[in-house]
Amino acid sequence: MPRLSGNRRRPSRGRADLARLRKQSEAAIARTSPPELADLPADFWDASEVVLPVPKRAISLRVDEDVLRWFKSRGPRYQSRMNAILRSYMAHMRKDRGRKGAA
């Protein structure tokens, strides 16, 4: 597994070091958490629901070189962003079609 400075290890491709995380104290977790999580009410997670990701289907898609370059230049997970934009367009078109059908 790749190493970072000191004793910390970098997780391998999206996998957390669960054994190390389980050993962390609440104080250590609070100290390293983002500020927006500091003052969550005690009941914040009470109404939460687990939402499983929708399975994706691998396809071959041809896009213009400049389009691909632009998405890739925005960083990792460019395919997920492309999917999100296509999903947003699809939702908009469905909504628009519903309005035209009701007119």
Protein backbone atom coordinates (compact mmCIF):
# COMPACT_ATOMS: atom_id res chain seq x y z
CA MET A 1 0.00 0.00 0.00
CA PRO A 2 1.42 3.48 -0.84
CA ARG A 3 2.72 5.53 2.07
CA LEU A 4 2.16 9.17 2.95
CA SER A 5 4.43 11.26 5.14
CA GLY A 6 4.71 9.92 8.67
CA ASN A 7 2.91 6.71 9.59
CA ARG A 8 -0.31 7.43 7.73
CA ARG A 9 -1.21 5.16 4.84
CA ARG A 10 -3.09 6.24 1.75
CA PRO A 11 -6.20 4.13 1.11
CA SER A 12 -6.03 2.10 -2.05
CA ARG A 13 -8.48 3.43 -4.63
CA GLY A 14 -11.41 4.51 -2.51
CA ARG A 15 -10.92 1.94 0.24
CA ALA A 16 -10.59 3.24 3.78
CA ASP A 17 -8.27 1.65 6.33
CA LEU A 18 -11.15 0.48 8.54
CA ALA A 19 -8.91 -1.07 11.20
CA ARG A 20 -7.16 2.28 11.72
CA LEU A 21 -10.45 4.19 11.69
CA ARG A 22 -12.00 1.92 14.31
CA LYS A 23 -9.10 2.72 16.67
CA GLN A 24 -9.59 6.51 16.39
CA SER A 25 -11.09 8.30 19.38
CA GLU A 26 -14.12 10.57 19.07
CA ALA A 27 -11.82 13.51 19.87
CA ALA A 28 -9.50 12.61 16.98
CA ILE A 29 -12.45 12.29 14.63
CA ALA A 30 -13.86 15.66 15.74
CA ARG A 31 -10.44 17.31 15.39
CA THR A 32 -10.03 16.16 11.77
CA SER A 33 -13.65 16.63 10.64
CA PRO A 34 -14.67 19.52 8.38
CA PRO A 35 -16.00 22.58 10.26
CA GLU A 36 -19.52 22.21 8.81
CA LEU A 37 -19.89 18.94 10.74
CA ALA A 38 -18.91 20.44 14.11
CA ASP A 39 -22.33 21.57 15.35
CA LEU A 40 -24.71 18.96 14.00
CA PRO A 41 -27.69 18.39 16.30
CA ALA A 42 -27.72 15.07 18.18
CA ASP A 43 -30.72 13.85 16.15
CA PHE A 44 -29.22 14.78 12.76
CA TRP A 45 -29.01 11.17 11.53
CA ASP A 46 -32.30 9.95 13.07
CA ALA A 47 -34.36 10.33 9.88
CA SER A 48 -31.56 9.28 7.53
CA GLU A 49 -31.98 6.50 4.99
CA VAL A 50 -29.40 4.40 3.22
CA VAL A 51 -29.55 5.11 -0.49
CA LEU A 52 -27.84 2.47 -2.56
CA PRO A 53 -26.17 3.65 -5.75
CA VAL A 54 -27.86 2.79 -9.01
CA PRO A 55 -25.82 0.18 -10.86
CA LYS A 56 -24.11 1.55 -13.93
CA ARG A 57 -23.83 -0.15 -17.29
CA ALA A 58 -20.51 -0.01 -19.12
CA ILE A 59 -20.87 1.22 -22.69
CA SER A 60 -18.66 2.51 -25.45
CA LEU A 61 -19.46 6.15 -26.18
CA ARG A 62 -17.85 8.31 -28.83
CA VAL A 63 -17.48 11.97 -27.88
CA ASP A 64 -15.60 14.83 -29.49
CA GLU A 65 -11.97 15.09 -28.37
CA ASP A 66 -12.40 18.61 -26.96
CA VAL A 67 -15.46 17.53 -24.95
CA LEU A 68 -13.56 14.63 -23.41
CA ARG A 69 -10.53 16.84 -22.71
CA TRP A 70 -12.75 19.42 -20.98
CA PHE A 71 -14.37 16.82 -18.70
CA LYS A 72 -11.04 15.21 -17.87
CA SER A 73 -9.50 18.61 -17.08
CA ARG A 74 -12.04 19.02 -14.27
CA GLY A 75 -10.41 16.15 -12.35
CA PRO A 76 -11.19 12.59 -11.36
CA ARG A 77 -14.62 11.06 -11.80
CA TYR A 78 -15.20 12.81 -15.12
CA GLN A 79 -17.42 9.94 -16.29
CA SER A 80 -19.63 10.41 -13.23
CA ARG A 81 -19.96 14.11 -14.05
CA MET A 82 -20.84 13.28 -17.65
CA ASN A 83 -23.53 10.90 -16.35
CA ALA A 84 -24.87 13.57 -13.97
CA ILE A 85 -25.16 16.08 -16.82
CA LEU A 86 -26.93 13.54 -19.03
CA ARG A 87 -29.28 12.67 -16.14
CA SER A 88 -30.07 16.35 -15.59
CA TYR A 89 -30.81 16.81 -19.31
CA MET A 90 -33.02 13.71 -19.29
CA ALA A 91 -34.99 14.99 -16.26
CA HIS A 92 -35.42 18.39 -17.91
CA MET A 93 -36.66 16.85 -21.15
CA ARG A 94 -39.12 14.61 -19.29
CA LYS A 95 -40.47 17.60 -17.40
CA ASP A 96 -40.70 19.65 -20.60
CA ARG A 97 -42.51 16.82 -22.41
CA GLY A 98 -45.03 16.60 -19.53
CA ARG A 99 -45.78 20.33 -19.82
CA LYS A 100 -46.29 20.16 -23.57
CA GLY A 101 -48.60 17.15 -23.21
CA ALA A 102 -50.74 19.00 -20.64
CA ALA A 103 -51.15 22.12 -22.81
